[in-house]
Each structure stands twice: as structure tokens, then as C-alpha cells.
Amino acid sequence: MAADDKHGVAHFQGRDNILKRIAALRAFDIDDRLAAIKTPTLVIATKDDLLVPYGRSEYLAKHLPKAELALLDHGAHAVNITDPERLNGLMTTFLGNHA
């Protein structure tokens, strides 16, 4: 963990960059257009994600007409790193069902 912390500090993008990213995320709003997205969509979320609350993923899955929600208890924002086998299984199954 110390090496991860050191790497994070060394590569921190800066306060201004983070604030710009937050502003962009807050300004991006397509909620009124979600119903028009007809593509089958797999929404994957984890209950312990500190960056994107899983309630937002539940909202997306509810409002995208062809969405499936995979809500995992653990994995944080990087479930592709913390639980790649489970993530890959979810995606493989989803893609196989929609090929």
C-alpha cells in the first residue's frame, strides 16, 4: 500500500484538474434522453464504490429500457482490478446473451 500511496502522490493530477473533472461530471446530464437509448446495456456497480454511488447505477439501469444491473457488494471503483474474474464472467455472459 505504501508503494501505491507513493505512486498516487507522485502522479496526482492537481487540485485544478480534479475540480475541472468534477465540474464536467456535474454538468453532464442526459437523464431526459435515457429512454431513447435502446442498446442492451450492462450496468455494473459496487456497493463500496466511493467515487460513484451505486444509487446512480441503479437509476441508470431503471431508466435505460434494455439495461441489466449487476450490483456487487465489493470491488470499489476498480472492480476490474479487484475482482477481474467476476467482472469478466458478467461481461462474457451479457455479451453471449446479446450476440
Protein backbone atom coordinates (compact mmCIF):
# COMPACT_ATOMS: atom_id res chain seq x y z
CA MET A 1 0.00 0.00 0.00
CA ALA A 2 2.87 2.35 0.70
CA ALA A 3 4.07 1.95 -2.89
CA ASP A 4 0.53 2.65 -4.17
CA ASP A 5 0.31 5.76 -1.99
CA LYS A 6 3.69 6.98 -3.18
CA HIS A 7 2.70 6.42 -6.80
CA GLY A 8 -0.62 8.22 -6.26
CA VAL A 9 1.07 11.25 -4.74
CA ALA A 10 3.75 11.33 -7.44
CA HIS A 11 1.14 11.24 -10.20
CA PHE A 12 -1.56 13.37 -8.59
CA GLN A 13 -3.15 15.47 -11.29
CA GLY A 14 -3.53 18.55 -9.20
CA ARG A 15 -6.38 20.32 -7.50
CA ASP A 16 -7.43 22.36 -10.52
CA ASN A 17 -7.60 19.28 -12.73
CA ILE A 18 -9.72 17.40 -10.18
CA LEU A 19 -12.09 20.37 -9.80
CA LYS A 20 -12.47 20.63 -13.59
CA ARG A 21 -13.30 16.92 -13.78
CA ILE A 22 -15.89 17.24 -11.03
CA ALA A 23 -17.46 20.23 -12.78
CA ALA A 24 -17.62 18.32 -16.07
CA LEU A 25 -19.29 15.36 -14.39
CA ARG A 26 -21.83 17.59 -12.69
CA ALA A 27 -22.61 19.41 -15.94
CA PHE A 28 -23.13 16.18 -17.92
CA ASP A 29 -26.81 15.37 -17.69
CA ILE A 30 -28.59 13.10 -20.15
CA ASP A 31 -31.28 11.85 -17.80
CA ASP A 32 -34.06 13.11 -20.07
CA ARG A 33 -32.62 11.11 -23.01
CA LEU A 34 -32.01 7.75 -21.31
CA ALA A 35 -35.29 6.26 -22.54
CA ALA A 36 -34.13 6.78 -26.14
CA ILE A 37 -31.11 4.51 -25.70
CA LYS A 38 -32.31 1.14 -26.99
CA THR A 39 -29.00 -0.72 -26.94
CA PRO A 40 -28.76 -3.57 -24.44
CA THR A 41 -26.61 -2.24 -21.63
CA LEU A 42 -24.89 -3.91 -18.71
CA VAL A 43 -24.62 -1.53 -15.78
CA ILE A 44 -22.04 -2.75 -13.29
CA ALA A 45 -21.72 -1.18 -9.86
CA THR A 46 -20.30 -1.98 -6.45
CA LYS A 47 -21.79 -1.04 -3.13
CA ASP A 48 -18.40 0.09 -1.82
CA ASP A 49 -17.55 2.47 -4.69
CA LEU A 50 -16.62 5.77 -3.09
CA LEU A 51 -16.39 7.66 -6.39
CA VAL A 52 -19.72 6.77 -7.99
CA PRO A 53 -22.56 5.94 -5.60
CA TYR A 54 -24.28 2.74 -6.66
CA GLY A 55 -27.62 4.51 -6.47
CA ARG A 56 -26.68 6.27 -9.69
CA SER A 57 -26.13 2.92 -11.38
CA GLU A 58 -29.49 1.72 -10.09
CA TYR A 59 -31.03 4.86 -11.57
CA LEU A 60 -29.39 4.22 -14.95
CA ALA A 61 -30.50 0.60 -15.02
CA LYS A 62 -34.05 1.63 -14.18
CA HIS A 63 -34.23 4.30 -16.89
CA LEU A 64 -32.37 2.58 -19.73
CA PRO A 65 -35.02 0.43 -21.45
CA LYS A 66 -32.75 -2.57 -22.09
CA ALA A 67 -30.42 -2.38 -19.11
CA GLU A 68 -29.37 -5.11 -16.74
CA LEU A 69 -27.86 -4.19 -13.38
CA ALA A 70 -25.06 -6.20 -11.82
CA LEU A 71 -24.67 -4.83 -8.30
CA LEU A 72 -21.69 -6.29 -6.47
CA ASP A 73 -21.06 -5.99 -2.75
CA HIS A 74 -17.33 -5.37 -3.14
CA GLY A 75 -14.85 -4.19 -5.72
CA ALA A 76 -14.88 -0.44 -5.25
CA HIS A 77 -14.38 1.78 -8.29
CA ALA A 78 -11.81 -0.58 -9.78
CA VAL A 79 -13.69 -3.88 -9.79
CA ASN A 80 -11.82 -4.72 -12.99
CA ILE A 81 -8.70 -4.86 -10.82
CA THR A 82 -10.13 -6.09 -7.51
CA ASP A 83 -12.30 -8.90 -8.95
CA PRO A 84 -11.46 -9.34 -12.65
CA GLU A 85 -12.71 -12.92 -12.86
CA ARG A 86 -16.18 -11.98 -11.66
CA LEU A 87 -16.32 -8.91 -13.87
CA ASN A 88 -15.18 -10.85 -16.91
CA GLY A 89 -17.78 -13.52 -16.19
CA LEU A 90 -20.55 -10.94 -16.00
CA MET A 91 -19.48 -9.31 -19.24
CA THR A 92 -18.98 -12.61 -21.08
CA THR A 93 -22.43 -13.81 -20.07
CA PHE A 94 -24.05 -10.50 -21.01
CA LEU A 95 -22.31 -10.35 -24.39
CA GLY A 96 -23.15 -14.01 -25.06
CA ASN A 97 -26.81 -13.28 -24.38
CA HIS A 98 -26.78 -10.32 -26.77
CA ALA A 99 -24.57 -11.57 -29.59
